[in-house]
């Protein structure tokens, strides 16, 4: 099974599902994990676009920096 690369990017503070709690994210992999475990937004076009950008980055088809800008709070 291939190992997933972190795909690091410049740190960004992202809101979590807990009010007033921020989390520092420094890679596409961390952002993807955040979406699965602690994301504050219900299903929406923004979430769908963010998931798509992170997946493309993890697959190597989109730069980590571009994936970072797909984060709604990035």
Protein backbone atom coordinates (compact mmCIF):
# COMPACT_ATOMS: atom_id res chain seq x y z
CA UNK A 1 0.00 0.00 0.00
CA UNK A 2 1.51 3.38 -0.96
CA UNK A 3 2.24 5.91 1.75
CA UNK A 4 0.33 9.17 1.57
CA UNK A 5 2.59 12.21 1.60
CA UNK A 6 1.84 15.09 3.95
CA UNK A 7 1.92 17.69 1.14
CA UNK A 8 3.06 20.53 3.46
CA UNK A 9 2.05 24.16 3.06
CA UNK A 10 2.39 27.41 5.01
CA UNK A 11 0.53 27.11 8.30
CA UNK A 12 -3.04 28.31 8.50
CA UNK A 13 -5.41 28.54 11.46
CA UNK A 14 -8.71 26.82 10.79
CA UNK A 15 -11.89 26.89 12.85
CA UNK A 16 -13.06 23.60 14.31
CA UNK A 17 -16.49 22.31 15.29
CA UNK A 18 -15.91 23.61 18.83
CA UNK A 19 -16.78 27.32 19.11
CA UNK A 20 -13.76 29.61 19.54
CA UNK A 21 -11.32 26.71 19.02
CA UNK A 22 -8.79 27.03 16.20
CA UNK A 23 -6.38 24.42 14.94
CA UNK A 24 -3.11 25.04 13.10
CA UNK A 25 -2.91 23.00 9.91
CA UNK A 26 0.36 22.67 7.98
CA UNK A 27 -0.40 20.13 5.26
CA UNK A 28 -3.06 18.80 2.92
CA UNK A 29 -3.10 15.56 4.90
CA UNK A 30 -3.74 17.37 8.20
CA UNK A 31 -6.51 19.40 6.55
CA UNK A 32 -8.12 16.24 5.18
CA UNK A 33 -8.01 14.67 8.66
CA UNK A 34 -9.58 17.82 10.12
CA UNK A 35 -12.44 17.65 7.61
CA UNK A 36 -13.15 14.06 8.66
CA UNK A 37 -12.98 14.62 12.42
CA UNK A 38 -13.58 18.22 13.47
CA UNK A 39 -15.02 20.30 10.61
CA UNK A 40 -17.51 23.05 11.57
CA UNK A 41 -19.42 23.24 8.27
CA UNK A 42 -22.28 20.97 7.26
CA UNK A 43 -22.26 19.57 3.73
CA UNK A 44 -22.06 22.48 1.32
CA UNK A 45 -20.52 23.55 -1.97
CA UNK A 46 -17.59 25.00 -0.01
CA UNK A 47 -16.93 21.70 1.75
CA UNK A 48 -17.23 19.77 -1.51
CA UNK A 49 -14.75 22.10 -3.24
CA UNK A 50 -12.35 21.88 -0.28
CA UNK A 51 -12.48 18.07 -0.26
CA UNK A 52 -11.86 18.01 -4.02
CA UNK A 53 -8.84 20.33 -3.76
CA UNK A 54 -7.32 18.37 -0.86
CA UNK A 55 -7.81 15.06 -2.67
CA UNK A 56 -6.19 16.44 -5.83
CA UNK A 57 -3.26 17.70 -3.76
CA UNK A 58 -2.82 14.34 -2.02
CA UNK A 59 -2.86 12.69 -5.45
CA UNK A 60 -0.16 15.11 -6.62
CA UNK A 61 -2.40 16.83 -9.19
CA UNK A 62 -2.66 20.15 -7.31
CA UNK A 63 0.01 22.04 -5.41
CA UNK A 64 -0.18 22.06 -1.60
CA UNK A 65 -0.37 25.87 -1.71
CA UNK A 66 -3.42 25.77 -3.98
CA UNK A 67 -5.06 23.26 -1.63
CA UNK A 68 -4.34 25.59 1.29
CA UNK A 69 -6.26 28.39 -0.41
CA UNK A 70 -9.23 26.06 -0.85
CA UNK A 71 -9.70 26.02 2.92
CA UNK A 72 -12.58 28.39 3.75
CA UNK A 73 -10.59 29.94 6.60
CA UNK A 74 -7.21 29.78 4.85
